[in-house]
Each structure stands twice: as structure tokens, then as C-alpha cells.
Protein backbone atom coordinates (compact mmCIF):
# COMPACT_ATOMS: atom_id res chain seq x y z
CA MET A 1 50.41 40.08 12.39
CA ASN A 2 48.30 43.26 13.14
CA TRP A 3 47.06 44.00 16.68
CA ILE A 4 43.61 42.99 16.20
CA GLN A 5 44.84 39.51 14.61
CA GLY A 6 47.26 38.97 17.50
CA LEU A 7 44.91 39.79 20.06
CA THR A 8 42.51 37.19 18.71
CA LYS A 9 45.33 34.53 18.79
CA ALA A 10 46.13 35.28 21.84
CA ILE A 11 42.27 35.05 23.54
CA GLN A 12 41.96 31.51 21.31
CA TYR A 13 45.15 30.48 22.93
CA ILE A 14 44.11 31.26 26.26
CA GLU A 15 40.41 29.81 25.79
CA SER A 16 42.08 26.56 24.58
CA ASN A 17 44.38 26.31 28.03
CA LEU A 18 42.16 27.62 30.86
CA THR A 19 42.30 23.92 32.39
CA HIS A 20 46.24 23.65 31.75
CA GLU A 21 48.81 25.73 33.40
CA ILE A 22 49.51 28.94 31.60
CA THR A 23 51.32 32.08 32.32
CA VAL A 24 51.20 35.79 31.07
CA ASN A 25 54.83 35.12 29.47
CA ASP A 26 53.24 31.99 27.43
CA VAL A 27 50.66 34.13 26.23
CA ALA A 28 53.22 36.63 25.22
CA ASN A 29 55.45 34.23 23.52
CA HIS A 30 52.56 32.72 21.53
CA VAL A 31 52.19 35.92 19.61
CA TYR A 32 55.89 36.59 19.59
CA ALA A 33 56.01 39.70 21.60
CA SER A 34 57.63 40.42 24.52
CA ASN A 35 56.06 40.24 28.06
CA ALA A 36 56.02 43.59 29.39
CA HIS A 37 54.72 45.18 26.20
CA TYR A 38 52.05 42.75 25.34
CA GLN A 39 50.97 43.03 28.71
CA ARG A 40 50.62 46.92 27.98
CA VAL A 41 48.53 46.47 24.40
CA PHE A 42 46.33 43.43 25.87
CA SER A 43 45.44 46.09 28.62
CA LEU A 44 45.03 49.28 26.63
CA ALA A 45 43.04 47.38 24.32
CA THR A 46 40.48 45.25 26.29
CA GLY A 47 40.40 47.02 29.50
CA ILE A 48 41.67 44.34 31.70
CA THR A 49 45.13 42.62 32.60
CA ILE A 50 45.83 39.05 30.90
CA GLY A 51 45.98 37.61 34.32
CA ASP A 52 42.42 39.25 35.42
CA TYR A 53 41.03 37.48 32.11
CA ILE A 54 41.97 34.28 32.63
CA ARG A 55 40.90 34.38 36.45
CA ASN A 56 37.81 35.52 35.69
CA ARG A 57 37.20 33.19 32.94
CA ARG A 58 38.19 30.14 34.87
CA LEU A 59 36.10 31.23 37.76
CA SER A 60 33.54 31.61 35.65
CA LEU A 61 33.83 28.02 33.86
CA ALA A 62 34.60 26.80 37.27
CA GLY A 63 30.84 28.14 38.43
CA GLN A 64 29.11 26.32 35.29
CA ASP A 65 31.12 23.23 36.40
CA LEU A 66 29.64 23.36 39.42
CA LEU A 67 25.93 23.46 38.18
CA ILE A 68 26.18 20.73 35.59
CA SER A 69 28.36 18.19 37.11
CA LYS A 70 28.88 16.54 40.28
CA ASN A 71 32.35 16.86 40.37
CA ARG A 72 33.93 17.53 43.98
CA ILE A 73 34.72 20.98 44.68
CA ILE A 74 38.53 20.05 45.12
CA ASP A 75 38.54 18.23 41.75
CA VAL A 76 36.86 21.59 39.93
CA ALA A 77 39.89 23.73 41.89
CA MET A 78 42.51 21.66 40.52
CA LYS A 79 40.79 21.72 37.11
CA TYR A 80 41.32 25.14 37.11
CA GLN A 81 44.60 25.08 38.35
CA TYR A 82 44.09 25.87 42.10
CA ASP A 83 46.61 24.18 44.47
CA SER A 84 44.02 23.82 47.41
CA GLN A 85 40.39 23.93 47.76
CA GLU A 86 40.99 26.72 50.20
CA SER A 87 42.66 28.77 47.62
CA PHE A 88 40.09 27.93 45.04
CA THR A 89 36.77 28.87 47.68
CA LYS A 90 38.84 32.37 48.60
CA ALA A 91 38.95 33.31 44.94
CA PHE A 92 35.67 31.83 43.99
CA THR A 93 33.81 33.65 46.78
CA ARG A 94 35.37 37.26 45.79
CA PHE A 95 34.26 36.59 42.17
CA HIS A 96 30.72 35.16 42.51
CA GLY A 97 29.69 36.68 45.91
CA ILE A 98 28.96 33.18 46.79
CA THR A 99 30.95 30.03 47.99
CA PRO A 100 31.38 26.81 45.93
CA SER A 101 29.16 24.70 48.08
CA ALA A 102 26.52 27.04 48.03
CA ALA A 103 26.67 27.98 44.19
CA ARG A 104 25.07 24.54 43.70
CA LYS A 105 21.52 25.83 45.48
CA GLN A 106 21.92 29.51 44.45
CA SER A 107 22.82 29.20 40.54
CA HIS A 108 21.01 32.56 39.97
CA ARG A 109 23.84 34.38 42.37
CA LEU A 110 26.46 33.25 39.49
CA LYS A 111 28.69 35.72 37.31
CA TYR A 112 29.34 34.71 34.13
CA PHE A 113 32.13 36.22 32.03
CA ARG A 114 31.70 35.70 28.56
CA PRO A 115 35.17 35.06 26.23
CA LEU A 116 36.07 38.25 24.24
CA THR A 117 35.77 38.91 21.19
CA ILE A 118 38.17 41.28 18.82
CA ASN A 119 36.22 42.52 16.27
CA ILE A 120 36.52 46.49 15.32
CA PHE A 121 34.95 46.99 18.74
CA ILE A 122 35.57 44.27 22.01
CA GLN A 123 32.62 42.42 23.49
CA GLY A 124 32.36 40.54 26.33
CA GLY A 125 32.63 40.65 30.36
CA PHE A 126 30.38 39.78 33.07
CA ASP A 127 26.83 38.20 32.17
CA MET A 128 24.63 37.40 35.53
CA SER A 129 23.53 34.16 33.36
CA SER A 130 23.96 30.45 34.56
CA HIS A 131 24.44 29.81 30.88
CA ARG A 132 27.69 27.97 29.77
CA GLU A 133 29.01 28.93 26.29
CA ILE A 134 28.98 27.00 23.11
CA LEU A 135 32.38 24.93 23.21
CA SER A 136 34.39 23.45 20.47
CA VAL A 137 34.09 19.86 19.45
CA ALA A 138 37.29 18.71 20.97
CA GLN A 139 36.36 20.20 24.13
CA TYR A 140 32.62 18.50 23.87
CA SER A 141 34.38 15.08 23.60
CA SER A 142 35.37 15.05 27.45
CA TYR A 143 32.05 16.62 28.70
CA GLU A 144 31.15 14.57 31.41
CA SER A 145 28.46 11.68 31.26
CA ASP A 146 26.17 11.12 34.15
CA SER A 147 26.05 7.96 35.85
CA ILE A 148 24.19 4.81 34.53
CA ALA A 149 23.60 3.76 38.00
CA ARG A 150 21.18 6.53 38.20
CA LEU A 151 18.91 4.92 35.51
CA LEU A 152 19.27 1.30 36.97
CA ALA A 153 18.25 1.84 40.61
CA GLY A 154 15.04 -0.39 41.03
CA ALA A 155 14.53 -1.11 37.40
CA GLU A 156 12.19 -4.12 36.46
CA SER A 157 13.39 -6.61 34.03
CA PRO A 158 12.80 -5.46 30.51
CA ARG A 159 10.20 -7.06 28.27
CA VAL A 160 11.35 -9.07 25.18
CA SER A 161 10.15 -6.48 22.63
CA ASN A 162 8.56 -3.24 22.90
CA LYS A 163 7.27 -0.07 21.30
CA ILE A 164 5.73 3.21 22.41
CA LYS A 165 2.69 3.88 19.83
CA GLU A 166 1.15 7.19 20.81
CA TYR A 167 3.83 9.85 20.76
CA LYS A 168 4.33 13.06 18.65
CA LYS A 169 6.63 12.26 15.58
CA ILE A 170 9.65 14.26 14.16
CA GLU A 171 8.44 16.09 11.21
CA PRO A 172 10.83 17.12 8.31
CA TRP A 173 9.96 20.17 7.81
CA GLN A 174 10.54 21.32 11.14
CA ASN A 175 14.28 22.23 10.99
CA TYR A 176 15.01 22.15 14.60
CA PHE A 177 14.80 18.58 15.10
CA LEU A 178 16.34 18.15 18.30
CA CYS A 179 14.04 20.42 19.74
CA SER A 180 11.07 18.63 18.38
CA ALA A 181 12.41 15.66 20.05
CA ILE A 182 12.54 17.39 23.16
CA CYS A 183 8.74 18.54 22.57
CA SER A 184 7.97 15.28 22.27
CA VAL A 185 9.80 13.81 25.36
CA GLY A 186 7.90 16.64 27.50
CA LEU A 187 4.37 15.88 26.00
CA LYS A 188 4.85 12.29 27.10
CA LEU A 189 5.71 13.81 30.78
CA GLY A 190 2.64 15.86 30.95
CA SER A 191 3.76 19.10 29.55
CA ASP A 192 1.07 21.14 27.62
CA ILE A 193 3.86 22.97 25.32
CA HIS A 194 2.90 21.36 21.86
CA ASP A 195 5.28 24.10 20.00
CA TYR A 196 8.39 22.69 19.43
CA LYS A 197 9.98 25.87 19.06
CA PHE A 198 9.58 26.96 22.45
CA TYR A 199 12.89 24.75 23.41
CA ALA A 200 14.59 26.53 20.58
CA ASN A 201 14.84 29.28 23.26
CA PHE A 202 16.58 26.97 25.35
CA THR A 203 18.93 25.61 22.94
CA GLY A 204 19.76 28.55 21.39
CA ASP A 205 18.62 27.93 18.20
CA ASN A 206 16.38 31.10 18.21
CA PHE A 207 18.90 33.36 18.80
CA THR A 208 22.39 31.92 16.90
CA TYR A 209 22.94 33.22 13.51
CA MET A 210 25.91 31.25 11.80
CA TYR A 211 27.88 31.06 8.67
CA SER A 212 31.34 29.47 7.80
CA GLU A 213 34.28 31.31 8.87
CA LYS A 214 36.00 31.34 5.67
CA ILE A 215 34.38 33.44 2.83
CA GLY A 216 33.27 31.35 0.17
CA ASN A 217 32.38 28.65 2.61
CA PRO A 218 35.39 26.31 0.84
CA ASP A 219 34.37 23.43 3.23
CA ASN A 220 30.90 23.57 2.13
CA ILE A 221 29.68 23.64 5.56
CA GLN A 222 25.85 24.21 6.20
CA VAL A 223 23.76 25.75 8.89
CA ASP A 224 20.04 25.10 7.81
CA SER A 225 19.20 23.59 11.62
CA GLY A 226 20.69 26.13 13.80
CA VAL A 227 23.31 25.35 16.42
CA THR A 228 21.89 21.92 17.97
CA ASN A 229 22.89 20.56 14.36
CA TYR A 230 26.37 21.32 14.40
CA PHE A 231 27.09 21.65 18.13
CA PHE A 232 27.15 18.83 20.66
CA ALA A 233 26.03 20.67 23.70
CA PRO A 234 24.50 18.58 26.77
CA GLN A 235 24.03 21.20 28.87
CA LEU A 236 21.67 22.92 26.52
CA VAL A 237 19.38 19.93 26.29
CA LYS A 238 19.32 19.73 30.12
CA LYS A 239 18.30 23.58 30.48
CA ALA A 240 15.39 22.36 27.71
CA TYR A 241 14.25 19.43 29.95
CA ALA A 242 13.93 21.62 33.26
CA ALA A 243 11.90 23.89 31.13
CA PHE A 244 9.39 21.64 31.25
CA GLY A 245 9.99 20.31 34.90
CA TYR A 246 12.12 17.23 34.91
CA ASP A 247 15.78 16.35 35.37
CA CYS A 248 17.94 15.05 32.08
CA ILE A 249 20.36 12.45 32.73
CA TYR A 250 23.41 12.41 29.82
CA ILE A 251 25.02 9.26 28.82
CA SER A 252 28.10 9.85 26.79
CA ASN A 253 29.06 7.54 23.56
CA SER A 254 32.60 6.28 26.33
CA GLU A 255 29.94 5.27 29.03
CA ILE A 256 27.64 3.79 26.41
CA LYS A 257 30.59 1.83 25.21
CA LYS A 258 32.17 1.35 28.79
CA ASP A 259 28.51 -0.76 29.61
CA PHE A 260 26.80 -1.39 26.88
CA ARG A 261 24.37 -3.96 28.22
CA ALA A 262 23.25 -1.71 31.09
CA VAL A 263 22.68 1.02 28.76
CA MET A 264 20.40 -0.88 26.60
CA LYS A 265 18.40 -2.03 30.05
CA ALA A 266 18.06 1.75 30.72
CA ILE A 267 16.61 2.45 27.35
CA LYS A 268 14.39 -0.65 27.54
CA THR A 269 13.08 0.63 30.89
CA SER A 270 12.54 4.01 29.85
CA VAL A 271 10.53 2.62 27.07
CA ASP A 272 8.69 0.22 29.12
CA LYS A 273 7.82 3.21 31.24
CA ASP A 274 6.29 4.82 28.01
CA ILE A 275 8.98 7.57 27.70
CA PRO A 276 11.15 7.90 24.65
CA VAL A 277 15.19 8.14 24.69
CA LEU A 278 16.60 11.14 23.03
CA ALA A 279 19.52 10.39 21.37
CA TRP A 280 21.78 13.17 19.60
CA GLY A 281 22.28 11.30 16.12
CA MET A 282 22.47 7.99 14.74
CA GLY A 283 25.69 8.31 12.59
CA ASN A 284 25.58 5.26 10.73
CA VAL A 285 22.34 6.16 8.89
CA THR A 286 22.02 8.13 5.60
CA CYS A 287 19.68 9.61 3.94
CA SER A 288 19.27 11.38 0.32
CA MET A 289 16.63 12.60 -2.26
CA THR A 290 15.74 14.88 -5.29
CA ASP A 291 13.21 17.12 -4.37
CA VAL A 292 10.32 18.48 -6.76
CA ASP A 293 12.68 21.36 -8.30
CA GLY A 294 14.87 18.66 -9.15
CA ILE A 295 17.72 19.79 -6.84
CA ARG A 296 19.88 16.89 -5.68
CA TRP A 297 20.58 16.19 -2.00
CA GLY A 298 23.77 13.75 -1.30
CA SER A 299 23.75 10.99 1.20
CA ASP A 300 24.12 12.60 4.53
CA PRO A 301 24.89 11.23 8.12
CA LEU A 302 21.87 12.18 10.61
CA PRO A 303 23.52 13.85 13.42
CA GLU A 304 20.59 15.66 15.03
CA GLY A 305 17.97 14.91 17.89
CA CYS A 306 16.06 11.64 17.32
CA LEU A 307 13.88 9.56 19.39
CA ILE A 308 14.21 5.86 20.45
CA GLY A 309 10.94 4.32 21.20
CA GLY A 310 10.84 0.68 20.96
CA TYR A 311 13.29 -2.39 20.90
CA ASP A 312 13.23 -5.80 19.81
CA LYS A 313 15.55 -9.10 20.53
CA ASN A 314 19.30 -8.70 19.25
CA ASP A 315 19.60 -5.38 20.50
CA VAL A 316 17.22 -3.69 17.66
CA LEU A 317 16.17 -0.25 18.23
CA TYR A 318 13.22 1.43 16.60
CA VAL A 319 14.00 5.06 15.90
CA ASN A 320 11.74 7.75 15.02
CA LEU A 321 14.57 9.94 12.30
CA TYR A 322 13.39 13.33 11.22
CA PRO A 323 13.81 12.60 7.24
CA GLY A 324 10.51 10.64 6.94
CA PRO A 325 9.71 7.84 4.34
CA GLU A 326 10.45 10.22 1.43
CA ARG A 327 14.15 10.04 2.37
CA LEU A 328 15.05 6.92 3.58
CA PRO A 329 14.67 3.23 1.64
CA GLU A 330 11.28 2.22 0.78
CA GLY A 331 9.62 0.18 3.46
CA SER A 332 11.99 0.99 6.31
CA VAL A 333 9.71 3.24 8.19
CA ASP A 334 6.82 1.33 10.09
CA GLU A 335 3.23 2.38 10.70
CA TYR A 336 4.47 4.29 14.01
CA GLY A 337 7.57 6.13 12.23
CA TYR A 338 9.89 4.20 13.46
CA SER A 339 13.42 2.66 11.18
CA ALA A 340 14.80 -0.34 13.00
CA ILE A 341 18.41 0.28 13.74
CA ILE A 342 21.30 -2.04 14.37
CA ASN A 343 24.19 -1.09 16.04
CA GLY A 344 22.95 2.82 15.90
CA LEU A 345 24.71 3.27 19.44
CA ASP A 346 28.19 3.09 17.99
CA THR A 347 28.11 6.37 16.56
CA THR A 348 25.59 8.08 18.66
CA LYS A 349 27.33 10.89 20.57
CA GLY A 350 25.21 10.85 23.54
CA LEU A 351 21.87 9.70 24.93
CA PHE A 352 19.22 11.91 27.18
CA PHE A 353 16.68 9.76 29.83
CA ALA A 354 13.86 11.97 31.75
CA GLY A 355 15.06 11.77 35.51
CA GLU A 356 13.42 12.77 38.55
CA LYS A 357 10.64 15.68 38.26
CA LEU A 358 12.05 18.86 39.58
CA PRO A 359 10.15 21.48 41.67
CA PRO A 360 7.43 24.00 40.49
CA THR A 361 9.71 25.89 37.85
CA ASP A 362 9.32 30.22 37.90
CA MET A 363 8.19 30.48 34.36
CA HIS A 364 9.32 34.74 35.24
CA GLN A 365 12.70 33.09 35.73
CA ILE A 366 12.91 30.92 32.82
CA PHE A 367 12.40 33.59 30.68
CA GLN A 368 15.16 35.66 32.24
CA SER A 369 17.40 32.97 31.85
CA VAL A 370 16.79 32.62 28.26
CA ILE A 371 17.23 36.54 27.69
CA ASP A 372 20.44 36.19 29.60
CA SER A 373 22.04 33.67 27.34
CA ILE A 374 21.22 35.52 24.15
CA PRO A 375 24.68 37.64 24.14
CA THR A 376 26.38 34.37 24.24
CA PHE A 377 25.10 33.03 20.88
CA LEU A 378 26.28 36.31 19.47
CA THR A 379 29.70 36.80 20.42
CA LEU A 380 31.22 33.52 20.22
CA PRO A 381 34.67 33.37 18.69
CA PRO A 382 35.48 31.21 15.36
CA THR A 383 34.38 27.70 16.74
CA GLU A 384 35.24 24.23 15.43
CA GLY A 385 31.47 22.56 14.76
CA ASP A 386 30.51 19.18 13.04
CA GLY A 387 32.13 19.84 9.54
CA GLY A 388 33.95 22.84 10.14
CA MET A 389 34.79 26.43 11.62
CA TYR A 390 31.92 28.37 12.39
CA ALA A 391 31.65 32.49 12.77
CA PHE A 392 28.61 33.91 14.73
CA GLY A 393 26.73 36.84 15.15
CA LYS A 394 27.41 40.02 13.18
CA VAL A 395 30.73 38.45 11.78
CA ALA A 396 28.67 35.69 10.20
CA PHE A 397 26.46 38.15 8.33
CA GLU A 398 29.55 40.21 7.37
CA THR A 399 31.27 36.78 5.83
CA TRP A 400 28.13 35.88 4.32
CA ALA A 401 27.71 39.06 2.34
CA GLU A 402 30.89 39.38 1.19
CA THR A 403 30.69 35.69 -0.18
CA LEU A 404 27.50 36.89 -2.07
CA GLU A 405 29.44 39.97 -3.48
CA THR A 406 32.33 37.89 -4.72
CA ASP A 407 31.66 37.15 -8.40
CA SER A 408 34.66 34.38 -8.80
CA TYR A 409 32.21 32.24 -6.75
CA PHE A 410 29.46 32.41 -9.11
CA GLU A 411 30.99 33.25 -12.61
CA ASN A 412 31.16 30.37 -15.15
CA LYS A 413 28.99 28.38 -13.53
CA THR A 414 26.41 25.91 -15.20
CA ASP A 415 22.83 26.11 -14.12
CA GLU A 416 23.11 22.85 -12.19
CA LYS A 417 26.19 23.67 -10.68
CA LEU A 418 24.88 26.86 -9.11
CA ASN A 419 22.37 24.90 -7.93
CA ASP A 420 24.80 22.51 -6.10
CA ILE A 421 26.64 25.50 -4.39
CA CYS A 422 23.69 27.64 -3.68
CA TRP A 423 22.61 25.66 -0.58
CA ASN A 424 25.90 25.79 1.44
CA LEU A 425 26.97 29.49 -0.01
CA HIS A 426 23.37 31.21 0.89
CA CYS A 427 19.99 28.92 1.29
CA SER A 428 21.30 26.83 4.03
CA PRO A 429 22.01 30.18 6.34
CA TYR A 430 18.88 31.61 5.23
CA CYS A 431 17.06 28.45 6.14
CA CYS A 432 18.23 29.27 9.75
CA VAL A 433 17.40 32.59 9.72
CA CYS A 434 13.71 31.62 8.45
CA THR A 435 13.39 29.05 11.13
CA SER A 436 14.13 31.25 13.81
CA SER A 437 11.05 32.53 16.20
CA ALA A 438 12.89 34.89 18.13
CA TYR A 439 10.36 37.78 17.80
CA ASP A 440 7.51 35.54 18.68
CA PHE A 441 9.49 34.96 21.68
CA PHE A 442 9.59 38.70 22.70
CA LYS A 443 6.10 39.06 21.76
CA GLY A 444 5.14 36.51 24.54
CA ALA A 445 7.76 37.44 27.07
CA VAL A 446 6.35 41.27 26.84
CA GLU A 447 2.83 39.72 27.19
CA GLN A 448 3.17 37.72 29.98
CA TYR A 449 6.08 40.10 32.15
CA SER A 450 6.13 43.51 31.02
CA ASP A 451 8.61 43.87 33.86
CA LEU A 452 11.43 42.11 31.80
CA ALA A 453 13.19 45.42 30.71
CA MET A 454 15.38 43.65 28.33
CA ALA A 455 12.70 41.85 26.73
CA VAL A 456 10.98 45.37 25.83
CA THR A 457 13.80 46.72 24.74
CA LEU A 458 15.18 44.06 22.44
CA LEU A 459 11.45 43.26 21.10
CA PRO A 460 11.75 45.83 18.00
CA LEU A 461 15.33 44.92 17.50
CA TYR A 462 14.09 41.72 16.79
CA LYS A 463 11.30 42.81 14.76
CA LYS A 464 13.66 44.25 12.47
CA MET A 465 15.30 41.47 12.25
CA GLN A 466 12.41 39.92 10.88
CA ASP A 467 11.51 42.29 8.57
CA TYR A 468 14.93 42.45 6.94
CA LYS A 469 14.33 38.10 6.53
CA ASP A 470 10.88 39.15 4.70
CA GLU A 471 12.68 41.67 2.67
CA ILE A 472 15.06 38.75 1.39
CA TRP A 473 12.25 36.59 1.03
CA ALA A 474 10.56 39.27 -1.30
CA ILE A 475 13.37 39.78 -3.33
CA GLN A 476 13.89 35.71 -4.01
CA GLY A 477 10.20 35.34 -4.41
CA GLY A 478 10.53 32.46 -1.91
CA PHE A 479 13.05 30.87 0.09
CA TYR A 480 15.27 29.56 -3.12
CA PRO A 481 16.49 32.53 -5.41
CA PRO A 482 15.83 32.10 -9.29
CA ILE A 483 19.30 30.70 -10.47
CA ASP A 484 19.01 33.25 -13.60
CA LYS A 485 18.94 35.94 -10.79
CA PHE A 486 21.30 34.46 -8.59
CA ARG A 487 23.70 34.40 -11.19
CA THR A 488 23.92 37.92 -11.36
CA HIS A 489 25.90 40.46 -9.11
CA GLU A 490 23.14 42.91 -8.70
CA PHE A 491 20.67 40.76 -7.52
CA ARG A 492 23.09 38.97 -5.07
CA ALA A 493 24.19 42.64 -3.65
CA GLN A 494 20.74 43.47 -2.94
CA ILE A 495 20.64 40.62 -0.44
CA ALA A 496 24.39 41.30 0.60
CA ASP A 497 22.81 44.84 1.87
CA ILE A 498 20.46 43.62 3.84
CA LEU A 499 22.37 40.87 5.39
CA ARG A 500 24.99 43.37 6.60
CA LYS A 501 21.92 45.54 8.06
CA MET A 502 21.37 42.28 10.19
CA GLY A 503 24.66 42.24 11.47
CA GLY A 504 24.19 45.55 12.43
CA VAL A 505 21.06 44.72 14.54
CA CYS A 506 23.25 42.28 16.13
CA GLU A 507 25.47 45.01 17.27
CA GLU A 508 22.41 46.87 18.39
CA ILE A 509 21.56 43.75 20.49
CA LEU A 510 24.47 43.79 22.60
CA MET A 511 24.54 47.59 22.97
CA ALA A 512 21.24 47.51 24.45
CA TYR A 513 22.31 44.74 26.97
CA GLY A 514 24.81 47.49 28.08
CA GLU A 515 22.51 50.53 28.22
CA VAL A 516 19.92 48.54 30.17
CA SER A 517 22.42 47.05 32.61
CA GLU A 518 23.87 50.77 32.97
CA ALA A 519 20.08 52.35 33.63
CA ASN A 520 19.54 49.60 36.39
């Protein structure tokens, strides 16, 4: 094992055990090294000791827990391996410059220490953002639910049946379907923002570049809808709701199973108020189609955001799903865009209800928080999503490029077989890149807030990223490459060269953060 692999393995081990008892000796043993020797290697390579790294990551995550959960301070302290609230408060205050109790009122004061990512250079460190990084599927499964009681206080008895008839429907072409669903809820609550991609700034979709962690994508994972399709991130949805001025109440699947009747009452109460409930997927619904080019789409579950906008007797829910009539059974979609779903909550990962209206939001601060979160999405280590392991940022582009340059994945394939694999090897991640409106975000940020130094710095870099995306479009003659050309090494190598340049822009973006930070 070389030193880069060893460091990566050590960091992954630390990240998996931040809420468990872990010592420096445990880390060294995990990579089969002596304690003293490995402490020197880690410190020389990263500029930080193993003990300090563990401490910084724990206190960083503890700060995020205090912001997004209602847990008592002592419970957060114990979770991150502090023996007492007093010792936790002292460490927390030294790290963040603010006490735990004050942190909930002054979230902008919290520091964020990102996980280190080892490539050829080392990324990570302090980030003055209140953003919590994307975690693995296993860690999400334990994400704490809000209380269902918050939704039932003072609720009237629901009707026998009801449907929200006037609402913005999710369209199959939109791609960021969760963001579209959030936009629909926002419009119902009085927001004047009609562009669903606005919310992709808060969910991270606009700034996340993903690919299979493995060259050749042997697990056939897809990335066409961005980060929110493959990672369950309740805190990002809450952040998006806050952008249109409302608290967001998250009810987990385990909470649904614990008190199904109360959850159904809460859904009906929300519908009766003319406010859709956002659901993260209806996993018992599948769709399939063959498009106009004869490309076959398999039968797929629907993990992403959808809207519950109606109910009927026998616990029938009326749900607006993204595929639309062309990918669902004939006659299964009514005049209002709903499909009748039974037992849909069994496989739904979580529900999001609109809570209380928040105090007026400072849009300048919102734009700044979005900008502060971007390095997190570009420096994620290989992470388990819904279906496989994903790489991010520059690493994703490099793996994608190397896949296209490996002839063995494309040789001796019929046109039909190449059609089948083209989506997951190339078009799926390219779809994600094409959907991003990051450049538009920075144009708007600079026009509205010229004092946002980082926005001014990043605008030309994201313009460069957009230009590279357009170069690929020109080479392919559209979104989907001609199969006869896709078969040739020279054609794929052209695209791979541009992909590596896009990976280089990711590196430039991260370097820009350091330069602006030093200038300030």
C-alpha cells in the first residue's frame, strides 16, 4: 500500500468512527503501521496531527448537530465522545469561538472543518460555513426525525378526501426533480421564485460533479439528476425551505412506521391547508419507456422528490411524480397530474412538511452561504450513494475521462449494446453537467451583490466550465453522441481531453477559495 492509499484509508476509518471511541493507535493499527511512525507520516503529509484532525472533525460536526437537531447539549457532547458537558463546552468554545448554547442563535459564527481528501495534493480544513457535508447512506439512515407532534398541534379533523388542484407540477424534462418539488411548495406558500433551479443552489445540485468511483462504472450507477437523486440529505431540503422563508419539518421513514396514523393525519391536514407534502421518493412505483430514438429505458424505482397533493379513503395518496403519463401505465395519471398510490409511504425515505414562517431572510447572507458550501461538494471522498460508490469533483472527471479512453469497454459491441452502456458510461454524467446552472447563479450573484468577492472570482471559472460543456455538445452534435463515432477511440479521446480540463477547473475553484481567504 503506497502512502496516498494509506492516508486515504486512515481518513476513511476516522470518518467512519467519529461518534465512536477511537485512538491514534487505532488509526495506526488500521493501516498496519507503528503508532509513532504513522503519526509522523500523517502530520508531515497533512500539516495536522491525527488527534487534532479527529478533534476538529468532531467539533465541526457537533456544531452542525446543534444547528439542525433539537438534541440537548449533553447528548451532543456524549455523541462526540466527550465525558461531560463542561469539557465539551470548553473544547467547543476554543474551536468555534462561541459557546454551544449561543451557537444555535448565531450559526454564522460556526467554523467548518472539511474532511481531508488525498489526491496528489491535500484539500480540506476550515470553512466558515454552516453547511454539513454529504454523508453515506448508512449515516443518513440514522438522521434524526423531527417530532410529528409539531404538525398535529391544533389540527382539525381531515376530510374524507381532498386534492390540491392548482399547483406547479413536476415536469419530466426538469432533471432536478427534488428542486422542482421544493419550488412548487414555495409557490404555494407565497414565494415569487418560479425557477426550480434556484433551489439547486441550496441542495448542491448545481455544484456537484459525480461519477462512479470505479473506472468503467461496473455497478452501472447513474448520476443524471445530480446529488439529490442519489443521496438522502434532509438538511439540504431544510436549507432550501429556509430560502423561501419557512421552517421545514422532516419525518423519517422509521417515524412513519412508528405512528402511521398520525403521519397520515399530518399529510391530510397539510393538503387541507392547500400545501403539498414533499416526499423523498415512492420506492414501490416504477416506470419504463422506449424513446423516439429507440433507446430502451428499464423499469426503475422513483427515489427522488415528488409531491403528495391529495388523499382518499383507505389511505390512498395522490402523488405528482416526475415521469408523467408517458412513462407510467396508461390511465394512471389523472387530470391534475396525480397518480393514486397505495402503501407508498412504506418505501418513502422521508417526508417534508412546511412549518412556521421564518423571520425575513437576508438574501445577501443566503448567497454567501451557498458560495461557502461549494468546496464541500467538490472535495467529498468516495461516498456510498443509492446504488454504488461515487467519486466527486476533479476525481470524478478523471475517472470519467479514463473510462472513455479505455477501449476494452467499447470494443466488439453491437449498436444496441453500445446504446445500453453509453448512458451510464457517459451520457448520465454529461446530463448532470448540462443541467447545472452554476454559471447563471454566479452571474446573478455578481449583478446583485458586487461586494461578494468570491462570486466575482469564481464567475470566470464557472464560465470556463460552461464553455467546456458546450465544446462537448459541439463535438457530439447534441446531447447523445452518434454511436458509430462513440465506437472510435479518437472521438472518445477528444471528449476525455475536455473532461480533464473540467477537472482542472475544479482544482482552480478550490485554489481560488484559498487565495481570497488569504487576501481577506
